[in-house]
Amino acid sequence: MIISYVIKVVGDKIELTRTSDFTGKINSMVLNVTEKQLDDYFNDKGYIQTIFPDLNADEREFIKTGCTPDEWKNIFG
């Protein structure tokens, strides 16, 4: 599967923009990650929990699926 995403450096953080796998909506989230971490994840170089050990479940879900916490609540309750 090809996942397209856009990154923008915001200070010492990264704004990740990607399309939600669930709704098709384009979402963005500012994350305390590096470009290398994102490249490693999207190039299947490890498990998401290993590559991003300091992120919470909502942040990891966003990287994985593009789904925001609000979207998740609306879809799954």
Protein backbone atom coordinates (compact mmCIF):
# COMPACT_ATOMS: atom_id res chain seq x y z
CA MET A 1 0.00 0.00 0.00
CA ILE A 2 1.29 3.45 -0.85
CA ILE A 3 0.67 6.09 1.81
CA SER A 4 1.04 9.71 0.82
CA TYR A 5 1.82 12.30 3.41
CA VAL A 6 3.26 15.80 3.68
CA ILE A 7 5.55 17.02 6.41
CA LYS A 8 6.26 20.58 7.43
CA VAL A 9 8.83 21.60 10.04
CA VAL A 10 7.22 23.72 12.77
CA GLY A 11 9.94 24.84 15.18
CA ASP A 12 11.37 21.64 16.63
CA LYS A 13 8.29 19.59 15.69
CA ILE A 14 6.78 18.19 12.52
CA GLU A 15 3.31 18.89 11.16
CA LEU A 16 2.14 15.72 9.45
CA THR A 17 -0.67 15.99 6.91
CA ARG A 18 -2.31 12.89 5.50
CA THR A 19 -5.64 11.52 4.39
CA SER A 20 -7.77 9.62 6.87
CA ASP A 21 -8.12 5.96 5.94
CA PHE A 22 -11.63 6.04 7.43
CA THR A 23 -13.20 9.22 6.02
CA GLY A 24 -10.96 10.38 3.17
CA LYS A 25 -10.65 13.75 4.92
CA ILE A 26 -7.26 15.49 4.87
CA ASN A 27 -6.04 15.99 8.44
CA SER A 28 -2.96 17.51 10.06
CA MET A 29 -1.34 17.06 13.45
CA VAL A 30 1.79 18.62 14.96
CA LEU A 31 3.96 15.89 16.45
CA ASN A 32 7.16 15.78 18.45
CA VAL A 33 8.94 13.49 15.97
CA THR A 34 11.75 13.71 13.43
CA GLU A 35 11.69 13.33 9.67
CA LYS A 36 13.89 10.26 10.07
CA GLN A 37 11.38 8.62 12.41
CA LEU A 38 8.58 9.20 9.89
CA ASP A 39 10.72 7.94 7.02
CA ASP A 40 11.63 4.84 9.04
CA TYR A 41 7.99 4.13 9.84
CA PHE A 42 6.62 4.70 6.33
CA ASN A 43 9.44 2.57 4.90
CA ASP A 44 8.60 -0.35 7.23
CA LYS A 45 11.81 -0.16 9.26
CA GLY A 46 10.19 -1.08 12.57
CA TYR A 47 7.08 -1.21 14.70
CA ILE A 48 5.28 2.06 15.34
CA GLN A 49 5.66 1.68 19.13
CA THR A 50 9.41 1.20 18.74
CA ILE A 51 9.96 4.08 16.32
CA PHE A 52 7.75 6.50 18.31
CA PRO A 53 8.11 5.43 21.95
CA ASP A 54 7.21 8.87 23.34
CA LEU A 55 3.94 9.33 21.43
CA ASN A 56 0.55 8.50 22.89
CA ALA A 57 -1.95 6.14 21.25
CA ASP A 58 -3.88 8.97 19.53
CA GLU A 59 -0.70 10.34 17.95
CA ARG A 60 0.40 6.89 16.77
CA GLU A 61 -3.08 6.22 15.35
CA PHE A 62 -2.88 9.47 13.41
CA ILE A 63 0.48 8.52 11.91
CA LYS A 64 -0.82 5.04 11.09
CA THR A 65 -4.26 5.93 9.66
CA GLY A 66 -4.58 9.72 9.41
CA CYS A 67 -7.53 9.52 11.81
CA THR A 68 -7.78 12.27 14.45
CA PRO A 69 -9.12 11.63 17.97
CA ASP A 70 -12.36 13.50 17.11
CA GLU A 71 -12.85 11.46 13.95
CA TRP A 72 -12.26 8.26 15.93
CA LYS A 73 -14.94 9.25 18.46
CA ASN A 74 -17.43 10.11 15.71
CA ILE A 75 -16.88 6.80 13.93
CA PHE A 76 -16.39 4.36 16.79
CA GLY A 77 -18.03 6.12 19.70
